[in-house]
Structures are given as structure tokens and as C-alpha cells.
Protein backbone atom coordinates (compact mmCIF):
# COMPACT_ATOMS: atom_id res chain seq x y z
CA MET A 1 -0.18 0.09 0.14
CA ALA A 2 2.89 2.31 0.46
CA TRP A 3 4.35 1.68 -2.64
CA LEU A 4 0.98 2.67 -4.14
CA GLY A 5 1.13 5.87 -2.36
CA ILE A 6 4.57 6.59 -3.77
CA VAL A 7 3.98 5.61 -7.50
CA LEU A 8 0.67 7.75 -7.18
CA SER A 9 2.54 10.86 -5.44
CA VAL A 10 4.72 11.32 -8.26
CA PRO A 11 2.34 12.20 -10.98
CA ALA A 12 0.07 14.32 -8.20
CA LEU A 13 3.51 16.37 -7.88
CA ARG A 14 3.65 17.22 -11.67
CA VAL A 15 0.08 17.99 -11.86
CA VAL A 16 0.07 20.14 -8.46
CA CYS A 17 3.58 21.74 -9.57
CA GLY A 18 2.96 22.71 -13.23
CA GLY A 19 0.48 25.29 -11.89
CA GLY A 20 -2.41 24.26 -14.64
CA THR A 21 0.28 24.07 -17.43
CA ASP A 22 2.08 20.75 -18.61
CA ASP A 23 5.64 21.81 -18.59
CA GLY A 24 5.94 20.50 -14.92
CA ALA A 25 8.53 23.63 -14.36
CA GLY A 26 7.96 23.37 -10.45
CA VAL A 27 9.04 19.56 -9.81
CA PRO A 28 12.80 20.23 -9.21
CA ASP A 29 11.41 22.18 -6.50
CA GLY A 30 8.76 20.04 -5.36
CA LEU A 31 10.42 16.56 -5.32
CA PRO A 32 13.16 17.88 -2.58
CA ALA A 33 10.36 19.35 -0.47
CA SER A 34 8.50 16.26 -0.70
CA ALA A 35 11.37 14.13 0.26
CA GLY A 36 12.03 16.42 3.14
CA VAL A 37 8.48 16.10 4.49
CA ALA A 38 8.50 12.27 3.97
CA LEU A 39 11.85 12.10 5.81
CA GLN A 40 10.48 14.35 8.91
CA TYR A 41 7.38 12.23 8.85
CA ILE A 42 9.83 8.97 9.19
CA ALA A 43 11.78 10.51 11.79
CA LEU A 44 8.81 11.22 13.99
CA ALA A 45 7.68 7.55 13.52
CA GLN A 46 10.68 6.37 15.13
CA ALA A 47 10.00 8.57 18.40
CA GLY A 48 8.04 7.04 21.38
CA SER A 49 4.81 8.08 22.77
CA SER A 50 6.47 8.99 26.24
CA SER A 51 8.67 11.50 24.51
CA GLY A 52 5.59 14.14 24.17
CA LEU A 53 5.98 17.14 21.77
CA TRP A 54 9.82 17.30 21.71
CA PRO A 55 10.33 15.56 18.65
CA VAL A 56 8.02 17.79 16.89
CA ALA A 57 9.55 20.82 18.57
CA ALA A 58 12.85 19.53 17.73
CA GLY A 59 11.62 19.08 13.96
CA ARG A 60 10.25 22.57 13.40
CA VAL A 61 13.67 23.78 14.68
CA VAL A 62 15.65 21.73 12.35
CA VAL A 63 13.54 22.88 9.35
CA GLY A 64 13.59 26.43 10.34
CA LEU A 65 17.41 26.30 10.46
CA ALA A 66 17.84 24.36 7.19
CA GLY A 67 15.41 26.91 5.51
CA ALA A 68 17.36 29.66 6.61
CA GLY A 69 20.64 28.16 5.56
CA VAL A 70 19.13 27.41 2.03
CA ALA A 71 17.84 31.13 2.14
CA THR A 72 21.20 32.59 2.85
CA VAL A 73 22.70 30.45 0.17
CA LEU A 74 20.15 31.08 -2.49
CA LEU A 75 20.38 35.19 -1.69
CA SER A 76 24.01 34.92 -1.93
CA LEU A 77 24.07 33.35 -5.28
CA GLY A 78 21.72 35.51 -6.86
């Protein structure tokens, strides 16, 4: 069932990232973003229920820092 979701998500990502066109210009941005969300969910699944909200909080901090790093690099390039 998980593989079916993966197989269906790739064409759906192309449709969503195309913005109504058929060129799929947003796919190169959408694939890494989707992989990052999947990685976050996989990491959260490893945490036990006794850990409370700390894994979620830590994940949000890491995402914020990674986003700031990517933004800094992109702004310095362009």
C-alpha cells in the first residue's frame, strides 16, 4: 500500500507543481520538498509516545534552520 502511494504521488506532484500548465516546471523544487516532508515523518515515527511533543519541536527547529541556510545560500548566489 505504501508503494502505491509513492507511485501515485509522483504524477500528482507534477500536476500540482505545473500550475495548470503541462510543463512541470515546479517538479525540481517539489521533489526535494516532498522528500524532506517524508523524511520528517519517518523520523517522527521513530519517536516513542512517551517523548511528548519534543520530537515535533526539534523537527520544527531543524526545518527552520535548514530553511534559513538554504535561503542564505540562494540569496548570496543571486
